[in-house]
Amino acid sequence: MAYRQRAEKTNQHVKSSIRPWRAAQCRNSHSWFYFPVGVPVDEHGRPLYGSLRMDPTAEVAWISHYYARSEEDYPKKVA
C-alpha cells in the first residue's frame, strides 16, 4: 500500500495558509511578505520569522509530504 511511511523527525519547514488579499509578495515557498506590513503567526498566535519553526506543532492542522508514492514508484517519478 502507498504512503505508509514518513520521516522519523518532524520537518521544521513552515507550510503557509495565507489570506491572498494580504499577500504582497512570495519570499519563498514557505514564507511571504504581507501588506500592510505584518508578521505571520503560527496556530497559537506566536510570530513566525522566516521559513522554519524550531518547535513545530500540529494541534490544528497537519500536512504530510511524501517524495514518492512508494520506492517502486520513485524511478518512474524522476524519469
PDB file of N, CA and C in Angstrom:
ATOM      1  N   MET A   1       0.847  -1.187   0.000  1.00  0.00           N
ATOM      2  CA  MET A   1       0.000   0.000   0.000  1.00  0.00           C
ATOM      3  C   MET A   1       0.889   1.246   0.000  1.00  0.00           C
ATOM      4  N   ALA A   2       0.454   2.287  -0.695  1.00  0.00           N
ATOM      5  CA  ALA A   2       1.242   3.506  -0.840  1.00  0.00           C
ATOM      6  C   ALA A   2       1.073   4.449   0.354  1.00  0.00           C
ATOM      7  N   TYR A   3       2.048   5.329   0.533  1.00  0.00           N
ATOM      8  CA  TYR A   3       2.009   6.399   1.541  1.00  0.00           C
ATOM      9  C   TYR A   3       1.847   5.864   2.967  1.00  0.00           C
ATOM     10  N   ARG A   4       2.673   4.920   3.342  1.00  0.00           N
ATOM     11  CA  ARG A   4       2.544   4.341   4.674  1.00  0.00           C
ATOM     12  C   ARG A   4       3.669   4.728   5.608  1.00  0.00           C
ATOM     13  N   GLN A   5       4.718   5.348   5.096  1.00  0.00           N
ATOM     14  CA  GLN A   5       5.844   5.701   5.938  1.00  0.00           C
ATOM     15  C   GLN A   5       6.122   7.192   5.852  1.00  0.00           C
ATOM     16  N   ARG A   6       6.654   7.741   6.926  1.00  0.00           N
ATOM     17  CA  ARG A   6       7.047   9.134   6.947  1.00  0.00           C
ATOM     18  C   ARG A   6       8.393   9.231   7.628  1.00  0.00           C
ATOM     19  N   ALA A   7       8.993  10.397   7.541  1.00  0.00           N
ATOM     20  CA  ALA A   7      10.287  10.610   8.187  1.00  0.00           C
ATOM     21  C   ALA A   7      10.142  10.477   9.697  1.00  0.00           C
ATOM     22  N   GLU A   8      11.180  10.033  10.352  1.00  0.00           N
ATOM     23  CA  GLU A   8      11.134   9.890  11.811  1.00  0.00           C
ATOM     24  C   GLU A   8      11.045  11.238  12.508  1.00  0.00           C
ATOM     25  N   LYS A   9      11.728  12.241  11.965  1.00  0.00           N
ATOM     26  CA  LYS A   9      11.767  13.569  12.569  1.00  0.00           C
ATOM     27  C   LYS A   9      10.765  14.496  11.865  1.00  0.00           C
ATOM     28  N   THR A  10      10.062  15.299  12.633  1.00  0.00           N
ATOM     29  CA  THR A  10       9.122  16.259  12.062  1.00  0.00           C
ATOM     30  C   THR A  10       9.878  17.343  11.306  1.00  0.00           C
ATOM     31  N   ASN A  11       9.436  17.619  10.085  1.00  0.00           N
ATOM     32  CA  ASN A  11      10.061  18.651   9.267  1.00  0.00           C
ATOM     33  C   ASN A  11       9.753  20.014   9.865  1.00  0.00           C
ATOM     34  N   GLN A  12      10.741  20.878   9.926  1.00  0.00           N
ATOM     35  CA  GLN A  12      10.583  22.184  10.561  1.00  0.00           C
ATOM     36  C   GLN A  12      10.152  23.281   9.591  1.00  0.00           C
ATOM     37  N   HIS A  13      10.021  22.958   8.304  1.00  0.00           N
ATOM     38  CA  HIS A  13       9.582  23.969   7.343  1.00  0.00           C
ATOM     39  C   HIS A  13       8.124  24.344   7.598  1.00  0.00           C
ATOM     40  N   VAL A  14       7.859  25.632   7.504  1.00  0.00           N
ATOM     41  CA  VAL A  14       6.515  26.167   7.689  1.00  0.00           C
ATOM     42  C   VAL A  14       5.697  25.937   6.421  1.00  0.00           C
ATOM     43  N   LYS A  15       4.472  25.511   6.572  1.00  0.00           N
ATOM     44  CA  LYS A  15       3.521  25.442   5.461  1.00  0.00           C
ATOM     45  C   LYS A  15       2.560  26.598   5.643  1.00  0.00           C
ATOM     46  N   SER A  16       2.499  27.475   4.667  1.00  0.00           N
ATOM     47  CA  SER A  16       1.719  28.701   4.807  1.00  0.00           C
ATOM     48  C   SER A  16       0.271  28.520   4.382  1.00  0.00           C
ATOM     49  N   SER A  17      -0.605  29.046   5.189  1.00  0.00           N
ATOM     50  CA  SER A  17      -2.013  29.188   4.857  1.00  0.00           C
ATOM     51  C   SER A  17      -2.276  30.683   4.975  1.00  0.00           C
ATOM     52  N   ILE A  18      -2.450  31.340   3.841  1.00  0.00           N
ATOM     53  CA  ILE A  18      -2.471  32.805   3.845  1.00  0.00           C
ATOM     54  C   ILE A  18      -3.816  33.368   3.397  1.00  0.00           C
ATOM     55  N   ARG A  19      -4.028  34.631   3.699  1.00  0.00           N
ATOM     56  CA  ARG A  19      -5.153  35.394   3.156  1.00  0.00           C
ATOM     57  C   ARG A  19      -4.616  36.092   1.910  1.00  0.00           C
ATOM     58  N   PRO A  20      -5.061  35.693   0.717  1.00  0.00           N
ATOM     59  CA  PRO A  20      -4.482  36.220  -0.522  1.00  0.00           C
ATOM     60  C   PRO A  20      -4.468  37.740  -0.612  1.00  0.00           C
ATOM     61  N   TRP A  21      -5.485  38.407  -0.083  1.00  0.00           N
ATOM     62  CA  TRP A  21      -5.528  39.872  -0.155  1.00  0.00           C
ATOM     63  C   TRP A  21      -4.481  40.531   0.732  1.00  0.00           C
ATOM     64  N   ARG A  22      -3.847  39.755   1.630  1.00  0.00           N
ATOM     65  CA  ARG A  22      -2.779  40.278   2.487  1.00  0.00           C
ATOM     66  C   ARG A  22      -1.399  39.937   1.941  1.00  0.00           C
ATOM     67  N   ALA A  23      -1.316  39.083   0.946  1.00  0.00           N
ATOM     68  CA  ALA A  23      -0.019  38.651   0.411  1.00  0.00           C
ATOM     69  C   ALA A  23       0.520  39.693  -0.550  1.00  0.00           C
ATOM     70  N   ALA A  24       1.623  40.329  -0.188  1.00  0.00           N
ATOM     71  CA  ALA A  24       2.249  41.329  -1.040  1.00  0.00           C
ATOM     72  C   ALA A  24       3.231  40.670  -2.002  1.00  0.00           C
ATOM     73  N   GLN A  25       3.969  39.677  -1.510  1.00  0.00           N
ATOM     74  CA  GLN A  25       4.989  39.033  -2.334  1.00  0.00           C
ATOM     75  C   GLN A  25       5.391  37.710  -1.698  1.00  0.00           C
ATOM     76  N   CYS A  26       5.673  36.731  -2.543  1.00  0.00           N
ATOM     77  CA  CYS A  26       6.158  35.437  -2.062  1.00  0.00           C
ATOM     78  C   CYS A  26       7.670  35.544  -1.846  1.00  0.00           C
ATOM     79  N   ARG A  27       8.103  35.317  -0.617  1.00  0.00           N
ATOM     80  CA  ARG A  27       9.537  35.342  -0.302  1.00  0.00           C
ATOM     81  C   ARG A  27      10.180  34.051  -0.786  1.00  0.00           C
ATOM     82  N   ASN A  28       9.561  32.936  -0.459  1.00  0.00           N
ATOM     83  CA  ASN A  28       9.935  31.611  -0.952  1.00  0.00           C
ATOM     84  C   ASN A  28       8.722  30.710  -0.731  1.00  0.00           C
ATOM     85  N   SER A  29       8.807  29.457  -1.022  1.00  0.00           N
ATOM     86  CA  SER A  29       7.641  28.591  -0.926  1.00  0.00           C
ATOM     87  C   SER A  29       7.126  28.394   0.501  1.00  0.00           C
ATOM     88  N   HIS A  30       7.850  28.866   1.505  1.00  0.00           N
ATOM     89  CA  HIS A  30       7.433  28.708   2.894  1.00  0.00           C
ATOM     90  C   HIS A  30       7.257  30.039   3.625  1.00  0.00           C
ATOM     91  N   SER A  31       7.432  31.151   2.937  1.00  0.00           N
ATOM     92  CA  SER A  31       7.409  32.441   3.620  1.00  0.00           C
ATOM     93  C   SER A  31       6.921  33.540   2.677  1.00  0.00           C
ATOM     94  N   TRP A  32       6.135  34.483   3.215  1.00  0.00           N
ATOM     95  CA  TRP A  32       5.532  35.554   2.430  1.00  0.00           C
ATOM     96  C   TRP A  32       5.785  36.909   3.073  1.00  0.00           C
ATOM     97  N   PHE A  33       5.699  37.958   2.260  1.00  0.00           N
ATOM     98  CA  PHE A  33       5.666  39.330   2.752  1.00  0.00           C
ATOM     99  C   PHE A  33       4.205  39.765   2.712  1.00  0.00           C
ATOM    100  N   TYR A  34       3.779  40.554   3.696  1.00  0.00           N
ATOM    101  CA  TYR A  34       2.373  40.920   3.819  1.00  0.00           C
ATOM    102  C   TYR A  34       2.145  42.417   3.701  1.00  0.00           C
ATOM    103  N   PHE A  35       0.927  42.776   3.248  1.00  0.00           N
ATOM    104  CA  PHE A  35       0.510  44.160   3.149  1.00  0.00           C
ATOM    105  C   PHE A  35      -0.779  44.327   3.937  1.00  0.00           C
ATOM    106  N   PRO A  36      -0.917  45.303   4.795  1.00  0.00           N
ATOM    107  CA  PRO A  36       0.188  46.151   5.235  1.00  0.00           C
ATOM    108  C   PRO A  36       1.221  45.317   5.979  1.00  0.00           C
ATOM    109  N   VAL A  37       2.368  45.883   6.193  1.00  0.00           N
ATOM    110  CA  VAL A  37       3.466  45.140   6.809  1.00  0.00           C
ATOM    111  C   VAL A  37       2.968  44.420   8.060  1.00  0.00           C
ATOM    112  N   GLY A  38       3.248  43.150   8.129  1.00  0.00           N
ATOM    113  CA  GLY A  38       2.817  42.360   9.268  1.00  0.00           C
ATOM    114  C   GLY A  38       3.695  41.140   9.434  1.00  0.00           C
ATOM    115  N   VAL A  39       3.503  40.456  10.519  1.00  0.00           N
ATOM    116  CA  VAL A  39       4.266  39.251  10.826  1.00  0.00           C
ATOM    117  C   VAL A  39       3.294  38.078  10.860  1.00  0.00           C
ATOM    118  N   PRO A  40       3.600  37.005  10.132  1.00  0.00           N
ATOM    119  CA  PRO A  40       2.725  35.834  10.197  1.00  0.00           C
ATOM    120  C   PRO A  40       2.797  35.189  11.581  1.00  0.00           C
ATOM    121  N   VAL A  41       1.781  34.415  11.911  1.00  0.00           N
ATOM    122  CA  VAL A  41       1.736  33.727  13.200  1.00  0.00           C
ATOM    123  C   VAL A  41       1.477  32.246  12.990  1.00  0.00           C
ATOM    124  N   ASP A  42       1.818  31.462  13.995  1.00  0.00           N
ATOM    125  CA  ASP A  42       1.536  30.033  13.933  1.00  0.00           C
ATOM    126  C   ASP A  42       0.131  29.767  14.471  1.00  0.00           C
ATOM    127  N   GLU A  43      -0.208  28.509  14.639  1.00  0.00           N
ATOM    128  CA  GLU A  43      -1.550  28.133  15.074  1.00  0.00           C
ATOM    129  C   GLU A  43      -1.882  28.597  16.490  1.00  0.00           C
ATOM    130  N   HIS A  44      -0.872  29.029  17.232  1.00  0.00           N
ATOM    131  CA  HIS A  44      -1.077  29.516  18.599  1.00  0.00           C
ATOM    132  C   HIS A  44      -0.941  31.032  18.705  1.00  0.00           C
ATOM    133  N   GLY A  45      -0.799  31.702  17.542  1.00  0.00           N
ATOM    134  CA  GLY A  45      -0.667  33.152  17.528  1.00  0.00           C
ATOM    135  C   GLY A  45       0.739  33.657  17.784  1.00  0.00           C
ATOM    136  N   ARG A  46       1.718  32.752  17.856  1.00  0.00           N
ATOM    137  CA  ARG A  46       3.111  33.160  18.059  1.00  0.00           C
ATOM    138  C   ARG A  46       3.709  33.626  16.736  1.00  0.00           C
ATOM    139  N   PRO A  47       4.480  34.719  16.741  1.00  0.00           N
ATOM    140  CA  PRO A  47       5.062  35.231  15.494  1.00  0.00           C
ATOM    141  C   PRO A  47       6.009  34.221  14.843  1.00  0.00           C
ATOM    142  N   LEU A  48       5.996  34.215  13.523  1.00  0.00           N
ATOM    143  CA  LEU A  48       6.903  33.375  12.736  1.00  0.00           C
ATOM    144  C   LEU A  48       7.866  34.287  11.990  1.00  0.00           C
ATOM    145  N   TYR A  49       9.141  33.987  12.074  1.00  0.00           N
ATOM    146  CA  TYR A  49      10.157  34.749  11.356  1.00  0.00           C
ATOM    147  C   TYR A  49      10.917  33.774  10.483  1.00  0.00           C
ATOM    148  N   GLY A  50      10.786  33.898   9.182  1.00  0.00           N
ATOM    149  CA  GLY A  50      11.489  33.006   8.268  1.00  0.00           C
ATOM    150  C   GLY A  50      10.672  31.791   7.886  1.00  0.00           C
ATOM    151  N   SER A  51      11.361  30.765   7.432  1.00  0.00           N
ATOM    152  CA  SER A  51      10.716  29.586   6.852  1.00  0.00           C
ATOM    153  C   SER A  51      10.686  28.367   7.759  1.00  0.00           C
ATOM    154  N   LEU A  52      11.263  28.479   8.952  1.00  0.00           N
ATOM    155  CA  LEU A  52      11.349  27.321   9.834  1.00  0.00           C
ATOM    156  C   LEU A  52      10.728  27.605  11.195  1.00  0.00           C
ATOM    157  N   ARG A  53      10.194  26.585  11.797  1.00  0.00           N
ATOM    158  CA  ARG A  53       9.703  26.643  13.179  1.00  0.00           C
ATOM    159  C   ARG A  53      10.464  25.553  13.929  1.00  0.00           C
ATOM    160  N   MET A  54      11.303  25.968  14.879  1.00  0.00           N
ATOM    161  CA  MET A  54      12.171  25.019  15.573  1.00  0.00           C
ATOM    162  C   MET A  54      11.387  24.038  16.446  1.00  0.00           C
ATOM    163  N   ASP A  55      10.197  24.432  16.881  1.00  0.00           N
ATOM    164  CA  ASP A  55       9.375  23.543  17.703  1.00  0.00           C
ATOM    165  C   ASP A  55       8.004  23.360  17.038  1.00  0.00           C
ATOM    166  N   PRO A  56       7.974  22.645  15.883  1.00  0.00           N
ATOM    167  CA  PRO A  56       6.730  22.529  15.132  1.00  0.00           C
ATOM    168  C   PRO A  56       5.627  21.845  15.943  1.00  0.00           C
ATOM    169  N   THR A  57       4.396  22.297  15.713  1.00  0.00           N
ATOM    170  CA  THR A  57       3.238  21.694  16.362  1.00  0.00           C
ATOM    171  C   THR A  57       2.227  21.313  15.290  1.00  0.00           C
ATOM    172  N   ALA A  58       1.266  20.516  15.659  1.00  0.00           N
ATOM    173  CA  ALA A  58       0.227  20.099  14.716  1.00  0.00           C
ATOM    174  C   ALA A  58      -1.074  19.867  15.464  1.00  0.00           C
ATOM    175  N   GLU A  59      -1.451  20.828  16.281  1.00  0.00           N
ATOM    176  CA  GLU A  59      -2.672  20.672  17.050  1.00  0.00           C
ATOM    177  C   GLU A  59      -3.904  21.091  16.262  1.00  0.00           C
ATOM    178  N   VAL A  60      -3.732  21.970  15.269  1.00  0.00           N
ATOM    179  CA  VAL A  60      -4.860  22.437  14.467  1.00  0.00           C
ATOM    180  C   VAL A  60      -4.849  21.779  13.085  1.00  0.00           C
ATOM    181  N   ALA A  61      -3.676  21.670  12.487  1.00  0.00           N
ATOM    182  CA  ALA A  61      -3.571  21.095  11.137  1.00  0.00           C
ATOM    183  C   ALA A  61      -2.261  20.340  10.991  1.00  0.00           C
ATOM    184  N   TRP A  62      -2.259  19.342  10.112  1.00  0.00           N
ATOM    185  CA  TRP A  62      -1.065  18.556   9.824  1.00  0.00           C
ATOM    186  C   TRP A  62      -1.033  18.281   8.340  1.00  0.00           C
ATOM    187  N   ILE A  63       0.093  18.559   7.700  1.00  0.00           N
ATOM    188  CA  ILE A  63       0.264  18.280   6.279  1.00  0.00           C
ATOM    189  C   ILE A  63       1.386  17.270   6.145  1.00  0.00           C
ATOM    190  N   SER A  64       1.086  16.149   5.521  1.00  0.00           N
ATOM    191  CA  SER A  64       2.112  15.138   5.266  1.00  0.00           C
ATOM    192  C   SER A  64       2.622  15.324   3.849  1.00  0.00           C
ATOM    193  N   HIS A  65       3.937  15.306   3.704  1.00  0.00           N
ATOM    194  CA  HIS A  65       4.559  15.493   2.402  1.00  0.00           C
ATOM    195  C   HIS A  65       5.413  14.275   2.108  1.00  0.00           C
ATOM    196  N   TYR A  66       5.176  13.657   0.972  1.00  0.00           N
ATOM    197  CA  TYR A  66       5.914  12.465   0.577  1.00  0.00           C
ATOM    198  C   TYR A  66       6.651  12.739  -0.721  1.00  0.00           C
ATOM    199  N   TYR A  67       7.880  12.274  -0.827  1.00  0.00           N
ATOM    200  CA  TYR A  67       8.641  12.496  -2.050  1.00  0.00           C
ATOM    201  C   TYR A  67       8.223  11.541  -3.150  1.00  0.00           C
ATOM    202  N   ALA A  68       7.607  10.429  -2.795  1.00  0.00           N
ATOM    203  CA  ALA A  68       7.147   9.461  -3.796  1.00  0.00           C
ATOM    204  C   ALA A  68       6.056   8.587  -3.189  1.00  0.00           C
ATOM    205  N   ARG A  69       5.243   8.021  -4.034  1.00  0.00           N
ATOM    206  CA  ARG A  69       4.166   7.129  -3.591  1.00  0.00           C
ATOM    207  C   ARG A  69       4.742   5.871  -2.939  1.00  0.00           C
ATOM    208  N   SER A  70       5.808   5.352  -3.526  1.00  0.00           N
ATOM    209  CA  SER A  70       6.459   4.155  -2.992  1.00  0.00           C
ATOM    210  C   SER A  70       7.868   4.091  -3.550  1.00  0.00           C
ATOM    211  N   GLU A  71       8.687   3.225  -3.000  1.00  0.00           N
ATOM    212  CA  GLU A  71      10.043   3.041  -3.529  1.00  0.00           C
ATOM    213  C   GLU A  71       9.985   2.547  -4.969  1.00  0.00           C
ATOM    214  N   GLU A  72       8.972   1.748  -5.292  1.00  0.00           N
ATOM    215  CA  GLU A  72       8.819   1.241  -6.654  1.00  0.00           C
ATOM    216  C   GLU A  72       8.393   2.355  -7.613  1.00  0.00           C
ATOM    217  N   ASP A  73       7.624   3.302  -7.143  1.00  0.00           N
ATOM    218  CA  ASP A  73       7.114   4.386  -7.965  1.00  0.00           C
ATOM    219  C   ASP A  73       8.160   5.484  -8.198  1.00  0.00           C
ATOM    220  N   TYR A  74       9.126   5.611  -7.306  1.00  0.00           N
ATOM    221  CA  TYR A  74      10.099   6.694  -7.382  1.00  0.00           C
ATOM    222  C   TYR A  74      10.863   6.760  -8.712  1.00  0.00           C
ATOM    223  N   PRO A  75      11.408   5.652  -9.221  1.00  0.00           N
ATOM    224  CA  PRO A  75      12.130   5.737 -10.512  1.00  0.00           C
ATOM    225  C   PRO A  75      11.255   6.285 -11.652  1.00  0.00           C
ATOM    226  N   LYS A  76       9.957   5.941 -11.640  1.00  0.00           N
ATOM    227  CA  LYS A  76       9.051   6.467 -12.663  1.00  0.00           C
ATOM    228  C   LYS A  76       8.854   7.964 -12.490  1.00  0.00           C
ATOM    229  N   LYS A  77       8.801   8.412 -11.255  1.00  0.00           N
ATOM    230  CA  LYS A  77       8.570   9.831 -10.977  1.00  0.00           C
ATOM    231  C   LYS A  77       9.745  10.695 -11.462  1.00  0.00           C
ATOM    232  N   VAL A  78      10.961  10.245 -11.236  1.00  0.00           N
ATOM    233  CA  VAL A  78      12.124  11.051 -11.595  1.00  0.00           C
ATOM    234  C   VAL A  78      12.524  10.902 -13.072  1.00  0.00           C
ATOM    235  N   ALA A  79      11.944   9.921 -13.745  1.00  0.00           N
ATOM    236  CA  ALA A  79      12.298   9.680 -15.163  1.00  0.00           C
ATOM    237  C   ALA A  79      11.819  10.800 -16.079  1.00  0.00           C
TER     238      ALA A  79
END
